[in-house]
Amino acid sequence: ESMEGKRGLPRVKPPFPAQKGFRGKPTNVN
């Protein structure tokens, strides 16, 4: 969320970042 320029607040999951992450695309965070 912070990377997208929004307030850094957790999203409700699902969907998980692997399905819909940064800019709505599959994303892996490590």
PDB file of all heavy atoms in Angstrom:
ATOM      1  N   GLU A   1       0.829  -1.207   0.000  1.00  0.00           N
ATOM      2  CA  GLU A   1       0.000   0.000   0.000  1.00  0.00           C
ATOM      3  C   GLU A   1       0.864   1.259   0.000  1.00  0.00           C
ATOM      4  O   GLU A   1       0.619   2.206  -0.747  1.00  0.00           O
ATOM      5  CB  GLU A   1      -0.910   0.009   1.240  1.00  0.00           C
ATOM      6  CG  GLU A   1      -2.032  -0.997   1.201  1.00  0.00           C
ATOM      7  CD  GLU A   1      -3.166  -0.564   0.290  1.00  0.00           C
ATOM      8  OE1 GLU A   1      -3.866   0.413   0.621  1.00  0.00           O
ATOM      9  OE2 GLU A   1      -3.358  -1.214  -0.760  1.00  0.00           O
ATOM     10  N   SER A   2       1.925   1.251   0.816  1.00  0.00           N
ATOM     11  CA  SER A   2       2.848   2.386   0.878  1.00  0.00           C
ATOM     12  C   SER A   2       3.551   2.603  -0.462  1.00  0.00           C
ATOM     13  O   SER A   2       3.699   3.736  -0.923  1.00  0.00           O
ATOM     14  CB  SER A   2       3.877   2.153   1.987  1.00  0.00           C
ATOM     15  OG  SER A   2       4.862   3.161   1.992  1.00  0.00           O
ATOM     16  N   MET A   3       3.965   1.506  -1.102  1.00  0.00           N
ATOM     17  CA  MET A   3       4.627   1.609  -2.404  1.00  0.00           C
ATOM     18  C   MET A   3       3.714   2.210  -3.465  1.00  0.00           C
ATOM     19  O   MET A   3       4.170   2.846  -4.411  1.00  0.00           O
ATOM     20  CB  MET A   3       5.115   0.231  -2.862  1.00  0.00           C
ATOM     21  CG  MET A   3       6.358  -0.254  -2.130  1.00  0.00           C
ATOM     22  SD  MET A   3       6.897  -1.888  -2.681  1.00  0.00           S
ATOM     23  CE  MET A   3       7.206  -1.605  -4.424  1.00  0.00           C
ATOM     24  N   GLU A   4       2.411   1.999  -3.301  1.00  0.00           N
ATOM     25  CA  GLU A   4       1.442   2.530  -4.263  1.00  0.00           C
ATOM     26  C   GLU A   4       1.040   3.977  -3.947  1.00  0.00           C
ATOM     27  O   GLU A   4       0.171   4.536  -4.613  1.00  0.00           O
ATOM     28  CB  GLU A   4       0.197   1.639  -4.292  1.00  0.00           C
ATOM     29  CG  GLU A   4       0.469   0.268  -4.890  1.00  0.00           C
ATOM     30  CD  GLU A   4      -0.737  -0.657  -4.884  1.00  0.00           C
ATOM     31  OE1 GLU A   4      -1.723  -0.352  -4.165  1.00  0.00           O
ATOM     32  OE2 GLU A   4      -0.716  -1.676  -5.588  1.00  0.00           O
ATOM     33  N   GLY A   5       1.668   4.570  -2.914  1.00  0.00           N
ATOM     34  CA  GLY A   5       1.382   5.954  -2.571  1.00  0.00           C
ATOM     35  C   GLY A   5       0.197   6.143  -1.644  1.00  0.00           C
ATOM     36  O   GLY A   5      -0.286   7.262  -1.466  1.00  0.00           O
ATOM     37  N   LYS A   6      -0.254   5.048  -1.024  1.00  0.00           N
ATOM     38  CA  LYS A   6      -1.391   5.125  -0.102  1.00  0.00           C
ATOM     39  C   LYS A   6      -0.895   5.075   1.343  1.00  0.00           C
ATOM     40  O   LYS A   6       0.293   4.905   1.597  1.00  0.00           O
ATOM     41  CB  LYS A   6      -2.355   3.962  -0.368  1.00  0.00           C
ATOM     42  CG  LYS A   6      -2.828   3.874  -1.805  1.00  0.00           C
ATOM     43  CD  LYS A   6      -3.532   2.543  -2.035  1.00  0.00           C
ATOM     44  CE  LYS A   6      -3.784   2.298  -3.513  1.00  0.00           C
ATOM     45  NZ  LYS A   6      -4.252   0.930  -3.781  1.00  0.00           N
ATOM     46  N   ARG A   7      -1.808   5.207   2.293  1.00  0.00           N
ATOM     47  CA  ARG A   7      -1.443   5.038   3.701  1.00  0.00           C
ATOM     48  C   ARG A   7      -0.998   3.597   3.916  1.00  0.00           C
ATOM     49  O   ARG A   7      -1.621   2.658   3.403  1.00  0.00           O
ATOM     50  CB  ARG A   7      -2.626   5.348   4.618  1.00  0.00           C
ATOM     51  CG  ARG A   7      -2.980   6.817   4.686  1.00  0.00           C
ATOM     52  CD  ARG A   7      -4.080   7.056   5.705  1.00  0.00           C
ATOM     53  NE  ARG A   7      -3.618   6.781   7.053  1.00  0.00           N
ATOM     54  CZ  ARG A   7      -4.419   6.713   8.115  1.00  0.00           C
ATOM     55  NH1 ARG A   7      -5.723   6.869   7.978  1.00  0.00           N
ATOM     56  NH2 ARG A   7      -3.920   6.469   9.314  1.00  0.00           N
ATOM     57  N   GLY A   8       0.048   3.420   4.692  1.00  0.00           N
ATOM     58  CA  GLY A   8       0.585   2.084   4.940  1.00  0.00           C
ATOM     59  C   GLY A   8      -0.244   1.295   5.929  1.00  0.00           C
ATOM     60  O   GLY A   8       0.134   1.152   7.099  1.00  0.00           O
ATOM     61  N   LEU A   9      -1.366   0.785   5.482  1.00  0.00           N
ATOM     62  CA  LEU A   9      -2.254  -0.013   6.330  1.00  0.00           C
ATOM     63  C   LEU A   9      -2.428  -1.393   5.715  1.00  0.00           C
ATOM     64  O   LEU A   9      -2.537  -1.524   4.491  1.00  0.00           O
ATOM     65  CB  LEU A   9      -3.619   0.667   6.471  1.00  0.00           C
ATOM     66  CG  LEU A   9      -3.629   2.033   7.173  1.00  0.00           C
ATOM     67  CD1 LEU A   9      -5.018   2.646   7.108  1.00  0.00           C
ATOM     68  CD2 LEU A   9      -3.173   1.886   8.628  1.00  0.00           C
ATOM     69  N   PRO A  10      -2.470  -2.449   6.540  1.00  0.00           N
ATOM     70  CA  PRO A  10      -2.621  -3.813   6.005  1.00  0.00           C
ATOM     71  C   PRO A  10      -3.925  -3.983   5.232  1.00  0.00           C
ATOM     72  O   PRO A  10      -4.959  -3.407   5.579  1.00  0.00           O
ATOM     73  CB  PRO A  10      -2.607  -4.685   7.260  1.00  0.00           C
ATOM     74  CG  PRO A  10      -1.905  -3.865   8.292  1.00  0.00           C
ATOM     75  CD  PRO A  10      -2.279  -2.446   8.002  1.00  0.00           C
ATOM     76  N   ARG A  11      -3.852  -4.782   4.183  1.00  0.00           N
ATOM     77  CA  ARG A  11      -5.034  -5.124   3.401  1.00  0.00           C
ATOM     78  C   ARG A  11      -5.738  -6.328   4.034  1.00  0.00           C
ATOM     79  O   ARG A  11      -5.116  -7.128   4.742  1.00  0.00           O
ATOM     80  CB  ARG A  11      -4.639  -5.500   1.970  1.00  0.00           C
ATOM     81  CG  ARG A  11      -4.053  -4.365   1.155  1.00  0.00           C
ATOM     82  CD  ARG A  11      -3.622  -4.871  -0.218  1.00  0.00           C
ATOM     83  NE  ARG A  11      -3.082  -3.800  -1.051  1.00  0.00           N
ATOM     84  CZ  ARG A  11      -2.565  -3.989  -2.257  1.00  0.00           C
ATOM     85  NH1 ARG A  11      -2.518  -5.203  -2.785  1.00  0.00           N
ATOM     86  NH2 ARG A  11      -2.082  -2.962  -2.941  1.00  0.00           N
ATOM     87  N   VAL A  12      -6.999  -6.462   3.717  1.00  0.00           N
ATOM     88  CA  VAL A  12      -7.745  -7.666   4.097  1.00  0.00           C
ATOM     89  C   VAL A  12      -7.332  -8.790   3.149  1.00  0.00           C
ATOM     90  O   VAL A  12      -7.280  -8.600   1.935  1.00  0.00           O
ATOM     91  CB  VAL A  12      -9.264  -7.423   4.026  1.00  0.00           C
ATOM     92  CG1 VAL A  12     -10.020  -8.714   4.315  1.00  0.00           C
ATOM     93  CG2 VAL A  12      -9.673  -6.326   4.995  1.00  0.00           C
ATOM     94  N   LYS A  13      -7.006  -9.953   3.701  1.00  0.00           N
ATOM     95  CA  LYS A  13      -6.620 -11.112   2.880  1.00  0.00           C
ATOM     96  C   LYS A  13      -7.619 -12.235   3.090  1.00  0.00           C
ATOM     97  O   LYS A  13      -8.050 -12.452   4.215  1.00  0.00           O
ATOM     98  CB  LYS A  13      -5.215 -11.578   3.264  1.00  0.00           C
ATOM     99  CG  LYS A  13      -4.131 -10.549   2.959  1.00  0.00           C
ATOM    100  CD  LYS A  13      -2.730 -11.064   3.243  1.00  0.00           C
ATOM    101  CE  LYS A  13      -2.400 -11.042   4.711  1.00  0.00           C
ATOM    102  NZ  LYS A  13      -0.969 -11.287   4.978  1.00  0.00           N
ATOM    103  N   PRO A  14      -7.957 -13.033   2.032  1.00  0.00           N
ATOM    104  CA  PRO A  14      -7.512 -12.922   0.641  1.00  0.00           C
ATOM    105  C   PRO A  14      -8.153 -11.719  -0.070  1.00  0.00           C
ATOM    106  O   PRO A  14      -9.100 -11.162   0.475  1.00  0.00           O
ATOM    107  CB  PRO A  14      -7.957 -14.257   0.032  1.00  0.00           C
ATOM    108  CG  PRO A  14      -9.144 -14.671   0.853  1.00  0.00           C
ATOM    109  CD  PRO A  14      -8.881 -14.143   2.243  1.00  0.00           C
ATOM    110  N   PRO A  15      -7.637 -11.343  -1.279  1.00  0.00           N
ATOM    111  CA  PRO A  15      -6.566 -12.012  -2.017  1.00  0.00           C
ATOM    112  C   PRO A  15      -5.196 -11.744  -1.403  1.00  0.00           C
ATOM    113  O   PRO A  15      -4.966 -10.677  -0.830  1.00  0.00           O
ATOM    114  CB  PRO A  15      -6.671 -11.396  -3.419  1.00  0.00           C
ATOM    115  CG  PRO A  15      -7.217 -10.021  -3.166  1.00  0.00           C
ATOM    116  CD  PRO A  15      -8.176 -10.176  -2.017  1.00  0.00           C
ATOM    117  N   PHE A  16      -4.312 -12.720  -1.522  1.00  0.00           N
ATOM    118  CA  PHE A  16      -2.950 -12.581  -1.044  1.00  0.00           C
ATOM    119  C   PHE A  16      -2.102 -11.894  -2.112  1.00  0.00           C
ATOM    120  O   PHE A  16      -2.469 -11.875  -3.296  1.00  0.00           O
ATOM    121  CB  PHE A  16      -2.380 -13.963  -0.714  1.00  0.00           C
ATOM    122  CG  PHE A  16      -3.035 -14.600   0.476  1.00  0.00           C
ATOM    123  CD1 PHE A  16      -4.150 -15.417   0.322  1.00  0.00           C
ATOM    124  CD2 PHE A  16      -2.552 -14.380   1.750  1.00  0.00           C
ATOM    125  CE1 PHE A  16      -4.770 -16.000   1.412  1.00  0.00           C
ATOM    126  CE2 PHE A  16      -3.157 -14.954   2.862  1.00  0.00           C
ATOM    127  CZ  PHE A  16      -4.269 -15.770   2.695  1.00  0.00           C
ATOM    128  N   PRO A  17      -0.948 -11.324  -1.722  1.00  0.00           N
ATOM    129  CA  PRO A  17      -0.093 -10.660  -2.717  1.00  0.00           C
ATOM    130  C   PRO A  17       0.294 -11.544  -3.900  1.00  0.00           C
ATOM    131  O   PRO A  17       0.464 -11.052  -5.010  1.00  0.00           O
ATOM    132  CB  PRO A  17       1.144 -10.264  -1.899  1.00  0.00           C
ATOM    133  CG  PRO A  17       0.620 -10.066  -0.511  1.00  0.00           C
ATOM    134  CD  PRO A  17      -0.436 -11.127  -0.351  1.00  0.00           C
ATOM    135  N   ALA A  18       0.409 -12.861  -3.664  1.00  0.00           N
ATOM    136  CA  ALA A  18       0.767 -13.768  -4.761  1.00  0.00           C
ATOM    137  C   ALA A  18      -0.284 -13.754  -5.869  1.00  0.00           C
ATOM    138  O   ALA A  18       0.029 -14.022  -7.034  1.00  0.00           O
ATOM    139  CB  ALA A  18       0.948 -15.194  -4.237  1.00  0.00           C
ATOM    140  N   GLN A  19      -1.527 -13.437  -5.509  1.00  0.00           N
ATOM    141  CA  GLN A  19      -2.587 -13.346  -6.516  1.00  0.00           C
ATOM    142  C   GLN A  19      -2.801 -11.899  -6.976  1.00  0.00           C
ATOM    143  O   GLN A  19      -2.929 -11.629  -8.170  1.00  0.00           O
ATOM    144  CB  GLN A  19      -3.913 -13.887  -5.960  1.00  0.00           C
ATOM    145  CG  GLN A  19      -3.979 -15.387  -5.799  1.00  0.00           C
ATOM    146  CD  GLN A  19      -3.310 -15.872  -4.524  1.00  0.00           C
ATOM    147  OE1 GLN A  19      -3.536 -15.309  -3.453  1.00  0.00           O
ATOM    148  NE2 GLN A  19      -2.494 -16.912  -4.634  1.00  0.00           N
ATOM    149  N   LYS A  20      -2.836 -10.982  -6.034  1.00  0.00           N
ATOM    150  CA  LYS A  20      -3.125  -9.576  -6.344  1.00  0.00           C
ATOM    151  C   LYS A  20      -2.330  -8.707  -5.379  1.00  0.00           C
ATOM    152  O   LYS A  20      -2.779  -8.426  -4.279  1.00  0.00           O
ATOM    153  CB  LYS A  20      -4.627  -9.303  -6.233  1.00  0.00           C
ATOM    154  CG  LYS A  20      -5.043  -7.943  -6.766  1.00  0.00           C
ATOM    155  CD  LYS A  20      -6.555  -7.767  -6.695  1.00  0.00           C
ATOM    156  CE  LYS A  20      -6.970  -6.396  -7.225  1.00  0.00           C
ATOM    157  NZ  LYS A  20      -8.439  -6.199  -7.103  1.00  0.00           N
ATOM    158  N   GLY A  21      -1.141  -8.306  -5.821  1.00  0.00           N
ATOM    159  CA  GLY A  21      -0.260  -7.551  -4.945  1.00  0.00           C
ATOM    160  C   GLY A  21      -0.023  -6.140  -5.441  1.00  0.00           C
ATOM    161  O   GLY A  21      -0.962  -5.359  -5.602  1.00  0.00           O
ATOM    162  N   PHE A  22       1.238  -5.805  -5.717  1.00  0.00           N
ATOM    163  CA  PHE A  22       1.604  -4.464  -6.163  1.00  0.00           C
ATOM    164  C   PHE A  22       0.955  -4.165  -7.513  1.00  0.00           C
ATOM    165  O   PHE A  22       1.055  -4.952  -8.457  1.00  0.00           O
ATOM    166  CB  PHE A  22       3.129  -4.366  -6.266  1.00  0.00           C
ATOM    167  CG  PHE A  22       3.662  -3.009  -6.632  1.00  0.00           C
ATOM    168  CD1 PHE A  22       3.309  -1.884  -5.897  1.00  0.00           C
ATOM    169  CD2 PHE A  22       4.529  -2.848  -7.702  1.00  0.00           C
ATOM    170  CE1 PHE A  22       3.800  -0.620  -6.223  1.00  0.00           C
ATOM    171  CE2 PHE A  22       5.033  -1.595  -8.035  1.00  0.00           C
ATOM    172  CZ  PHE A  22       4.668  -0.482  -7.292  1.00  0.00           C
ATOM    173  N   ARG A  23       0.240  -3.048  -7.581  1.00  0.00           N
ATOM    174  CA  ARG A  23      -0.481  -2.632  -8.797  1.00  0.00           C
ATOM    175  C   ARG A  23      -1.450  -3.699  -9.291  1.00  0.00           C
ATOM    176  O   ARG A  23      -1.730  -3.804 -10.487  1.00  0.00           O
ATOM    177  CB  ARG A  23       0.498  -2.246  -9.900  1.00  0.00           C
ATOM    178  CG  ARG A  23       1.361  -1.034  -9.548  1.00  0.00           C
ATOM    179  CD  ARG A  23       2.449  -0.782 -10.570  1.00  0.00           C
ATOM    180  NE  ARG A  23       3.222   0.405 -10.230  1.00  0.00           N
ATOM    181  CZ  ARG A  23       4.450   0.662 -10.709  1.00  0.00           C
ATOM    182  NH1 ARG A  23       5.029  -0.205 -11.534  1.00  0.00           N
ATOM    183  NH2 ARG A  23       5.094   1.747 -10.370  1.00  0.00           N
ATOM    184  N   GLY A  24      -1.944  -4.511  -8.368  1.00  0.00           N
ATOM    185  CA  GLY A  24      -2.925  -5.531  -8.716  1.00  0.00           C
ATOM    186  C   GLY A  24      -2.357  -6.754  -9.401  1.00  0.00           C
ATOM    187  O   GLY A  24      -3.120  -7.600  -9.885  1.00  0.00           O
ATOM    188  N   LYS A  25      -1.020  -6.872  -9.443  1.00  0.00           N
ATOM    189  CA  LYS A  25      -0.375  -7.986 -10.141  1.00  0.00           C
ATOM    190  C   LYS A  25       0.216  -8.980  -9.137  1.00  0.00           C
ATOM    191  O   LYS A  25       0.495  -8.628  -7.987  1.00  0.00           O
ATOM    192  CB  LYS A  25       0.746  -7.459 -11.048  1.00  0.00           C
ATOM    193  CG  LYS A  25       0.277  -6.469 -12.107  1.00  0.00           C
ATOM    194  CD  LYS A  25      -0.633  -7.117 -13.139  1.00  0.00           C
ATOM    195  CE  LYS A  25      -0.994  -6.146 -14.252  1.00  0.00           C
ATOM    196  NZ  LYS A  25      -1.861  -6.786 -15.282  1.00  0.00           N
ATOM    197  N   PRO A  26       0.434 -10.245  -9.563  1.00  0.00           N
ATOM    198  CA  PRO A  26       1.057 -11.232  -8.666  1.00  0.00           C
ATOM    199  C   PRO A  26       2.407 -10.717  -8.162  1.00  0.00           C
ATOM    200  O   PRO A  26       3.256 -10.279  -8.935  1.00  0.00           O
ATOM    201  CB  PRO A  26       1.229 -12.455  -9.567  1.00  0.00           C
ATOM    202  CG  PRO A  26       0.169 -12.313 -10.604  1.00  0.00           C
ATOM    203  CD  PRO A  26       0.066 -10.840 -10.860  1.00  0.00           C
ATOM    204  N   THR A  27       2.590 -10.781  -6.847  1.00  0.00           N
ATOM    205  CA  THR A  27       3.760 -10.185  -6.202  1.00  0.00           C
ATOM    206  C   THR A  27       4.289 -11.103  -5.117  1.00  0.00           C
ATOM    207  O   THR A  27       3.520 -11.656  -4.329  1.00  0.00           O
ATOM    208  CB  THR A  27       3.398  -8.816  -5.581  1.00  0.00           C
ATOM    209  OG1 THR A  27       2.866  -7.963  -6.595  1.00  0.00           O
ATOM    210  CG2 THR A  27       4.602  -8.163  -4.939  1.00  0.00           C
ATOM    211  N   ASN A  28       5.605 -11.260  -5.072  1.00  0.00           N
ATOM    212  CA  ASN A  28       6.237 -12.035  -4.010  1.00  0.00           C
ATOM    213  C   ASN A  28       7.059 -11.089  -3.137  1.00  0.00           C
ATOM    214  O   ASN A  28       7.887 -10.325  -3.634  1.00  0.00           O
ATOM    215  CB  ASN A  28       7.159 -13.111  -4.592  1.00  0.00           C
ATOM    216  CG  ASN A  28       7.752 -13.991  -3.506  1.00  0.00           C
ATOM    217  OD1 ASN A  28       7.126 -14.938  -3.051  1.00  0.00           O
ATOM    218  ND2 ASN A  28       8.971 -13.665  -3.067  1.00  0.00           N
ATOM    219  N   VAL A  29       6.812 -11.134  -1.835  1.00  0.00           N
ATOM    220  CA  VAL A  29       7.543 -10.285  -0.885  1.00  0.00           C
ATOM    221  C   VAL A  29       8.365 -11.174   0.032  1.00  0.00           C
ATOM    222  O   VAL A  29       7.831 -12.073   0.674  1.00  0.00           O
ATOM    223  CB  VAL A  29       6.582  -9.416  -0.041  1.00  0.00           C
ATOM    224  CG1 VAL A  29       7.377  -8.480   0.873  1.00  0.00           C
ATOM    225  CG2 VAL A  29       5.628  -8.623  -0.917  1.00  0.00           C
ATOM    226  N   ASN A  30       9.672 -10.925   0.066  1.00  0.00           N
ATOM    227  CA  ASN A  30      10.564 -11.654   0.974  1.00  0.00           C
ATOM    228  C   ASN A  30      11.461 -10.680   1.725  1.00  0.00           C
ATOM    229  O   ASN A  30      11.786  -9.592   1.242  1.00  0.00           O
ATOM    230  CB  ASN A  30      11.461 -12.641   0.233  1.00  0.00           C
ATOM    231  CG  ASN A  30      10.775 -13.939  -0.120  1.00  0.00           C
ATOM    232  OD1 ASN A  30      10.809 -14.375  -1.267  1.00  0.00           O
ATOM    233  ND2 ASN A  30      10.150 -14.589   0.847  1.00  0.00           N
TER     234      ASN A  30
END
